[in-house]
C-alpha atoms as a PDB file:
ATOM      1  CA  UNK A   1     -68.193 -71.942 110.660  1.00  0.00           C
ATOM      2  CA  UNK A   2     -71.793 -70.961 110.431  1.00  0.00           C
ATOM      3  CA  UNK A   3     -71.728 -69.543 106.889  1.00  0.00           C
ATOM      4  CA  UNK A   4     -71.139 -65.933 107.909  1.00  0.00           C
ATOM      5  CA  UNK A   5     -68.039 -64.055 106.821  1.00  0.00           C
ATOM      6  CA  UNK A   6     -65.614 -64.013 109.676  1.00  0.00           C
ATOM      7  CA  UNK A   7     -62.958 -61.306 110.085  1.00  0.00           C
ATOM      8  CA  UNK A   8     -60.247 -63.941 110.312  1.00  0.00           C
ATOM      9  CA  UNK A   9     -61.437 -65.907 107.287  1.00  0.00           C
ATOM     10  CA  UNK A  10     -60.862 -63.061 104.821  1.00  0.00           C
ATOM     11  CA  UNK A  11     -63.035 -61.873 101.970  1.00  0.00           C
ATOM     12  CA  UNK A  12     -64.245 -64.736  99.854  1.00  0.00           C
ATOM     13  CA  UNK A  13     -67.252 -65.284  97.696  1.00  0.00           C
ATOM     14  CA  UNK A  14     -68.686 -64.330  94.322  1.00  0.00           C
ATOM     15  CA  UNK A  15     -67.523 -60.697  94.375  1.00  0.00           C
ATOM     16  CA  UNK A  16     -63.897 -61.722  94.918  1.00  0.00           C
ATOM     17  CA  UNK A  17     -64.084 -64.336  92.162  1.00  0.00           C
ATOM     18  CA  UNK A  18     -65.537 -61.788  89.731  1.00  0.00           C
ATOM     19  CA  UNK A  19     -62.860 -59.209  90.490  1.00  0.00           C
ATOM     20  CA  UNK A  20     -60.131 -61.849  90.115  1.00  0.00           C
ATOM     21  CA  UNK A  21     -61.426 -62.779  86.677  1.00  0.00           C
ATOM     22  CA  UNK A  22     -61.594 -59.119  85.634  1.00  0.00           C
ATOM     23  CA  UNK A  23     -58.018 -58.534  86.811  1.00  0.00           C
ATOM     24  CA  UNK A  24     -56.868 -61.685  84.995  1.00  0.00           C
ATOM     25  CA  UNK A  25     -58.528 -60.604  81.736  1.00  0.00           C
ATOM     26  CA  UNK A  26     -57.133 -57.054  81.911  1.00  0.00           C
ATOM     27  CA  UNK A  27     -53.582 -58.126  82.779  1.00  0.00           C
ATOM     28  CA  UNK A  28     -53.530 -60.884  80.148  1.00  0.00           C
ATOM     29  CA  UNK A  29     -54.833 -58.466  77.518  1.00  0.00           C
ATOM     30  CA  UNK A  30     -52.140 -55.926  78.394  1.00  0.00           C
ATOM     31  CA  UNK A  31     -49.385 -58.544  78.196  1.00  0.00           C
ATOM     32  CA  UNK A  32     -50.647 -59.774  74.816  1.00  0.00           C
ATOM     33  CA  UNK A  33     -50.932 -56.189  73.537  1.00  0.00           C
ATOM     34  CA  UNK A  34     -47.403 -55.289  74.642  1.00  0.00           C
ATOM     35  CA  UNK A  35     -45.884 -58.505  73.303  1.00  0.00           C
ATOM     36  CA  UNK A  36     -47.618 -58.161  69.941  1.00  0.00           C
ATOM     37  CA  UNK A  37     -46.379 -54.572  69.719  1.00  0.00           C
ATOM     38  CA  UNK A  38     -42.846 -55.779  70.397  1.00  0.00           C
ATOM     39  CA  UNK A  39     -43.106 -58.583  67.832  1.00  0.00           C
ATOM     40  CA  UNK A  40     -44.674 -56.597  64.999  1.00  0.00           C
ATOM     41  CA  UNK A  41     -43.166 -53.131  65.516  1.00  0.00           C
ATOM     42  CA  UNK A  42     -39.633 -53.908  66.657  1.00  0.00           C
ATOM     43  CA  UNK A  43     -37.845 -51.131  64.753  1.00  0.00           C
ATOM     44  CA  UNK A  44     -40.335 -48.432  65.708  1.00  0.00           C
ATOM     45  CA  UNK A  45     -40.256 -49.584  69.328  1.00  0.00           C
ATOM     46  CA  UNK A  46     -36.455 -49.394  69.338  1.00  0.00           C
ATOM     47  CA  UNK A  47     -36.567 -45.769  68.154  1.00  0.00           C
ATOM     48  CA  UNK A  48     -39.240 -44.826  70.704  1.00  0.00           C
ATOM     49  CA  UNK A  49     -37.507 -46.497  73.658  1.00  0.00           C
ATOM     50  CA  UNK A  50     -34.186 -44.977  72.612  1.00  0.00           C
ATOM     51  CA  UNK A  51     -35.743 -41.494  72.650  1.00  0.00           C
ATOM     52  CA  UNK A  52     -37.400 -42.144  76.020  1.00  0.00           C
ATOM     53  CA  UNK A  53     -34.114 -43.389  77.491  1.00  0.00           C
ATOM     54  CA  UNK A  54     -32.234 -40.366  76.158  1.00  0.00           C
ATOM     55  CA  UNK A  55     -34.848 -37.980  77.591  1.00  0.00           C
ATOM     56  CA  UNK A  56     -34.782 -39.672  81.014  1.00  0.00           C
ATOM     57  CA  UNK A  57     -30.984 -39.742  81.054  1.00  0.00           C
ATOM     58  CA  UNK A  58     -30.696 -36.089  80.057  1.00  0.00           C
ATOM     59  CA  UNK A  59     -33.558 -34.597  82.122  1.00  0.00           C
ATOM     60  CA  UNK A  60     -33.954 -36.848  85.168  1.00  0.00           C
ATOM     61  CA  UNK A  61     -30.385 -37.854  85.950  1.00  0.00           C
ATOM     62  CA  UNK A  62     -30.074 -35.818  89.161  1.00  0.00           C
ATOM     63  CA  UNK A  63     -33.523 -36.904  90.364  1.00  0.00           C
ATOM     64  CA  UNK A  64     -32.401 -40.510  90.059  1.00  0.00           C
ATOM     65  CA  UNK A  65     -29.187 -39.812  91.973  1.00  0.00           C
ATOM     66  CA  UNK A  66     -31.102 -37.880  94.653  1.00  0.00           C
ATOM     67  CA  UNK A  67     -33.701 -40.633  95.038  1.00  0.00           C
ATOM     68  CA  UNK A  68     -30.986 -43.285  95.344  1.00  0.00           C
ATOM     69  CA  UNK A  69     -29.207 -41.225  97.993  1.00  0.00           C
ATOM     70  CA  UNK A  70     -32.501 -40.727  99.841  1.00  0.00           C
ATOM     71  CA  UNK A  71     -33.130 -44.489  99.881  1.00  0.00           C
ATOM     72  CA  UNK A  72     -29.630 -45.240 101.170  1.00  0.00           C
ATOM     73  CA  UNK A  73     -29.915 -42.567 103.882  1.00  0.00           C
ATOM     74  CA  UNK A  74     -33.330 -43.903 104.914  1.00  0.00           C
ATOM     75  CA  UNK A  75     -31.911 -47.414 105.267  1.00  0.00           C
ATOM     76  CA  UNK A  76     -28.988 -46.122 107.329  1.00  0.00           C
ATOM     77  CA  UNK A  77     -31.377 -44.172 109.571  1.00  0.00           C
ATOM     78  CA  UNK A  78     -33.602 -47.204 110.089  1.00  0.00           C
ATOM     79  CA  UNK A  79     -30.594 -49.393 110.864  1.00  0.00           C
ATOM     80  CA  UNK A  80     -28.845 -47.077 113.331  1.00  0.00           C
ATOM     81  CA  UNK A  81     -31.729 -44.867 114.517  1.00  0.00           C
ATOM     82  CA  UNK A  82     -34.256 -45.341 117.257  1.00  0.00           C
ATOM     83  CA  UNK A  83     -36.148 -47.963 115.262  1.00  0.00           C
ATOM     84  CA  UNK A  84     -33.232 -50.425 115.134  1.00  0.00           C
ATOM     85  CA  UNK A  85     -34.561 -52.601 117.957  1.00  0.00           C
ATOM     86  CA  UNK A  86     -38.049 -53.166 116.529  1.00  0.00           C
ATOM     87  CA  UNK A  87     -38.494 -56.867 115.876  1.00  0.00           C
ATOM     88  CA  UNK A  88     -41.018 -57.774 113.205  1.00  0.00           C
ATOM     89  CA  UNK A  89     -43.108 -60.708 114.367  1.00  0.00           C
ATOM     90  CA  UNK A  90     -43.004 -60.065 118.103  1.00  0.00           C
ATOM     91  CA  UNK A  91     -40.457 -60.231 120.905  1.00  0.00           C
ATOM     92  CA  UNK A  92     -39.709 -63.940 120.547  1.00  0.00           C
ATOM     93  CA  UNK A  93     -39.570 -64.016 116.737  1.00  0.00           C
ATOM     94  CA  UNK A  94     -36.384 -65.307 115.165  1.00  0.00           C
ATOM     95  CA  UNK A  95     -35.277 -64.887 111.550  1.00  0.00           C
ATOM     96  CA  UNK A  96     -35.950 -67.774 109.207  1.00  0.00           C
ATOM     97  CA  UNK A  97     -32.618 -67.311 107.380  1.00  0.00           C
ATOM     98  CA  UNK A  98     -29.142 -66.460 108.632  1.00  0.00           C
ATOM     99  CA  UNK A  99     -27.306 -63.303 107.623  1.00  0.00           C
ATOM    100  CA  UNK A 100     -25.087 -65.342 105.307  1.00  0.00           C
ATOM    101  CA  UNK A 101     -28.189 -66.751 103.584  1.00  0.00           C
ATOM    102  CA  UNK A 102     -29.624 -63.253 103.062  1.00  0.00           C
ATOM    103  CA  UNK A 103     -26.359 -61.934 101.637  1.00  0.00           C
ATOM    104  CA  UNK A 104     -26.116 -64.985  99.374  1.00  0.00           C
ATOM    105  CA  UNK A 105     -29.652 -64.391  98.083  1.00  0.00           C
ATOM    106  CA  UNK A 106     -28.925 -60.709  97.464  1.00  0.00           C
ATOM    107  CA  UNK A 107     -25.721 -61.589  95.619  1.00  0.00           C
ATOM    108  CA  UNK A 108     -27.521 -64.189  93.497  1.00  0.00           C
ATOM    109  CA  UNK A 109     -30.284 -61.712  92.611  1.00  0.00           C
ATOM    110  CA  UNK A 110     -27.722 -59.084  91.639  1.00  0.00           C
ATOM    111  CA  UNK A 111     -25.876 -61.565  89.443  1.00  0.00           C
ATOM    112  CA  UNK A 112     -29.144 -62.672  87.827  1.00  0.00           C
ATOM    113  CA  UNK A 113     -30.209 -59.118  87.052  1.00  0.00           C
ATOM    114  CA  UNK A 114     -26.798 -58.315  85.590  1.00  0.00           C
ATOM    115  CA  UNK A 115     -26.800 -61.472  83.507  1.00  0.00           C
ATOM    116  CA  UNK A 116     -30.242 -60.801  82.073  1.00  0.00           C
ATOM    117  CA  UNK A 117     -29.445 -57.133  81.418  1.00  0.00           C
ATOM    118  CA  UNK A 118     -26.188 -57.795  79.589  1.00  0.00           C
ATOM    119  CA  UNK A 119     -27.612 -60.736  77.623  1.00  0.00           C
ATOM    120  CA  UNK A 120     -30.466 -58.615  76.337  1.00  0.00           C
ATOM    121  CA  UNK A 121     -28.280 -55.544  75.827  1.00  0.00           C
ATOM    122  CA  UNK A 122     -25.564 -57.409  73.909  1.00  0.00           C
ATOM    123  CA  UNK A 123     -28.139 -58.781  71.459  1.00  0.00           C
ATOM    124  CA  UNK A 124     -29.486 -55.278  70.934  1.00  0.00           C
ATOM    125  CA  UNK A 125     -26.000 -53.839  70.292  1.00  0.00           C
ATOM    126  CA  UNK A 126     -25.110 -56.636  67.850  1.00  0.00           C
ATOM    127  CA  UNK A 127     -28.262 -56.214  65.761  1.00  0.00           C
ATOM    128  CA  UNK A 128     -28.137 -52.404  65.614  1.00  0.00           C
ATOM    129  CA  UNK A 129     -24.419 -51.805  65.057  1.00  0.00           C
ATOM    130  CA  UNK A 130     -23.369 -54.794  63.051  1.00  0.00           C
END
């Protein structure tokens, strides 16, 4: 390379380093702010999140159901529609994982999400009702 930025080499240099540092500082500050709010204002946060959850459940329930249905219908259309034969990666590309591997990963992710949700939720129920 002759020192010039090449289209294939990507954007590198001082401006990218500066923006990365700014993003790091902002995201770290937000995480620290949120965590300190959770640690120091636990009871107030519980009341606020409970009100937000109740409002979303009462006012946006059908929007959630409609959006979920829209996502499922979009996936069905993409699977059975005219775009079903598009191969990402080119004509000779082959998948890295088998179908069984994908279904196993999806199952494991679903189990992990459920485990984390119920572990956190059970602690919350025990401390507020007992």
